[in-house]
Amino acid sequence: MFATATPATLGRRTCALLAAASAVLHGVMLGHAANPAMAVLMVAMIGACLFCARDLWLRGTLRTWCIVAVMNLAMVAIHLPVPMHHHVAAGTGHESTVMALATALSMVEVGAAAAVLWFRTRRGAQLVSGTPAR
């Protein structure tokens, strides 16, 4: 009837939900874009987050985990040093809360992706799991 999910599948799908949450946070910030170019960039990021969420949910290939790690590292690198007034139009502070949440979420995703990549690309993964790393 129902197949039991392995811990790896549950973890992968949890990370897929985090990627979908990142897309939602970009959507929340879309209405606060300072200019049309920033809005286009946010729409592109929504698409990228949803692409990764889908791939993580279905397969969780090394390629997908690499994309998750690189995109989230880029997000943290771009957003941490940039003051809020350069990123969004003047607001009430709601944007800074969403930005802080998005940055924290990105850091969690980077940590998860790094752990998965480290584990799956090591020979020890085969010894622990009994199956070869993909």
Protein backbone atom coordinates (compact mmCIF):
# COMPACT_ATOMS: atom_id res chain seq x y z
CA MET A 1 0.00 0.00 0.00
CA PHE A 2 2.13 2.86 1.30
CA ALA A 3 5.89 2.80 1.13
CA THR A 4 7.63 4.02 4.24
CA ALA A 5 9.80 7.01 3.60
CA THR A 6 13.45 6.74 4.51
CA PRO A 7 15.07 9.40 6.69
CA ALA A 8 16.92 10.63 3.59
CA THR A 9 13.64 11.10 1.73
CA LEU A 10 12.06 12.91 4.65
CA GLY A 11 15.09 15.20 4.96
CA ARG A 12 15.16 15.88 1.22
CA ARG A 13 11.47 16.71 1.19
CA THR A 14 11.84 18.95 4.23
CA CYS A 15 14.50 20.87 2.32
CA ALA A 16 12.14 21.02 -0.67
CA LEU A 17 9.58 22.69 1.60
CA LEU A 18 12.26 25.16 2.74
CA ALA A 19 13.00 25.99 -0.91
CA ALA A 20 9.28 26.53 -1.53
CA ALA A 21 9.20 28.80 1.54
CA SER A 22 12.05 30.79 -0.02
CA ALA A 23 9.91 31.25 -3.13
CA VAL A 24 7.05 32.50 -0.94
CA LEU A 25 9.35 35.00 0.79
CA HIS A 26 10.51 36.31 -2.59
CA GLY A 27 6.84 36.65 -3.54
CA VAL A 28 6.14 38.66 -0.38
CA MET A 29 9.01 41.01 -1.23
CA LEU A 30 7.95 41.31 -4.89
CA GLY A 31 5.47 44.08 -4.10
CA HIS A 32 8.21 46.07 -2.36
CA ALA A 33 10.74 46.04 -5.20
CA ALA A 34 12.50 49.36 -5.61
CA ASN A 35 12.43 49.20 -9.43
CA PRO A 36 11.25 46.99 -12.31
CA ALA A 37 14.65 45.35 -12.72
CA MET A 38 14.56 44.21 -9.09
CA ALA A 39 11.03 42.85 -9.62
CA VAL A 40 12.19 40.85 -12.65
CA LEU A 41 15.11 39.47 -10.63
CA MET A 42 12.75 38.44 -7.81
CA VAL A 43 10.42 36.68 -10.26
CA ALA A 44 13.45 34.80 -11.62
CA MET A 45 14.43 33.81 -8.08
CA ILE A 46 10.89 32.59 -7.39
CA GLY A 47 11.20 30.35 -10.44
CA ALA A 48 14.63 29.11 -9.38
CA CYS A 49 13.42 28.33 -5.84
CA LEU A 50 10.43 26.41 -7.18
CA PHE A 51 12.66 24.52 -9.64
CA CYS A 52 14.91 23.40 -6.77
CA ALA A 53 11.92 22.57 -4.56
CA ARG A 54 10.50 20.33 -7.28
CA ASP A 55 13.80 18.58 -7.93
CA LEU A 56 14.46 18.07 -4.23
CA TRP A 57 10.98 16.66 -3.72
CA LEU A 58 11.26 14.22 -6.63
CA ARG A 59 14.92 13.20 -6.85
CA GLY A 60 17.47 15.13 -4.82
CA THR A 61 20.35 14.71 -7.27
CA LEU A 62 23.82 16.04 -6.52
CA ARG A 63 23.26 18.67 -9.23
CA THR A 64 20.19 19.97 -7.41
CA TRP A 65 21.97 20.07 -4.06
CA CYS A 66 24.85 22.02 -5.68
CA ILE A 67 22.39 24.53 -7.13
CA VAL A 68 20.70 24.90 -3.72
CA ALA A 69 24.05 25.51 -2.03
CA VAL A 70 25.32 28.02 -4.61
CA MET A 71 22.06 29.98 -4.88
CA ASN A 72 21.71 30.27 -1.12
CA LEU A 73 25.35 31.24 -0.63
CA ALA A 74 24.89 33.92 -3.29
CA MET A 75 21.73 35.15 -1.55
CA VAL A 76 23.53 35.45 1.79
CA ALA A 77 26.58 37.08 0.18
CA ILE A 78 24.44 39.66 -1.60
CA HIS A 79 22.00 40.48 1.19
CA LEU A 80 24.07 40.51 4.37
CA PRO A 81 26.35 43.44 3.50
CA VAL A 82 23.66 45.49 1.71
CA PRO A 83 21.61 47.95 3.76
CA MET A 84 17.85 47.57 3.35
CA HIS A 85 17.28 50.96 1.71
CA HIS A 86 19.24 49.82 -1.35
CA HIS A 87 17.13 46.71 -1.84
CA VAL A 88 13.53 47.82 -1.42
CA ALA A 89 11.51 50.99 -1.50
CA ALA A 90 11.01 52.74 1.81
CA GLY A 91 8.67 50.77 4.03
CA THR A 92 7.56 50.18 7.57
CA GLY A 93 10.14 47.63 8.62
CA HIS A 94 8.09 44.65 7.41
CA GLU A 95 10.66 44.20 4.65
CA SER A 96 13.55 43.96 7.10
CA THR A 97 11.75 41.21 9.04
CA VAL A 98 11.09 39.26 5.84
CA MET A 99 14.70 39.81 4.74
CA ALA A 100 16.05 38.58 8.08
CA LEU A 101 13.83 35.49 7.85
CA ALA A 102 14.90 34.85 4.26
CA THR A 103 18.58 35.19 5.17
CA ALA A 104 18.22 32.81 8.12
CA LEU A 105 16.37 30.34 5.91
CA SER A 106 19.15 30.57 3.33
CA MET A 107 21.76 29.81 5.96
CA VAL A 108 19.82 26.70 7.02
CA GLU A 109 19.55 25.60 3.38
CA VAL A 110 23.30 26.13 2.85
CA GLY A 111 24.08 24.01 5.91
CA ALA A 112 21.74 21.23 4.80
CA ALA A 113 23.07 21.25 1.23
CA ALA A 114 26.68 21.22 2.43
CA ALA A 115 25.97 18.28 4.75
CA VAL A 116 24.23 16.30 2.01
CA LEU A 117 26.97 17.01 -0.52
CA TRP A 118 29.69 16.08 1.96
CA PHE A 119 27.98 12.85 2.94
CA ARG A 120 26.95 11.73 -0.53
CA THR A 121 30.33 12.38 -2.13
CA ARG A 122 32.34 10.50 0.48
CA ARG A 123 33.20 6.85 0.37
CA GLY A 124 31.90 6.57 3.92
CA ALA A 125 28.41 7.12 2.62
CA GLN A 126 28.51 3.72 1.00
CA LEU A 127 29.76 2.09 4.18
CA VAL A 128 27.07 3.70 6.35
CA SER A 129 24.10 3.37 4.03
CA GLY A 130 25.03 0.18 2.19
CA THR A 131 24.32 1.81 -1.18
CA PRO A 132 26.76 3.65 -3.44
CA ALA A 133 26.68 7.44 -3.44
CA ARG A 134 25.07 8.84 -6.59
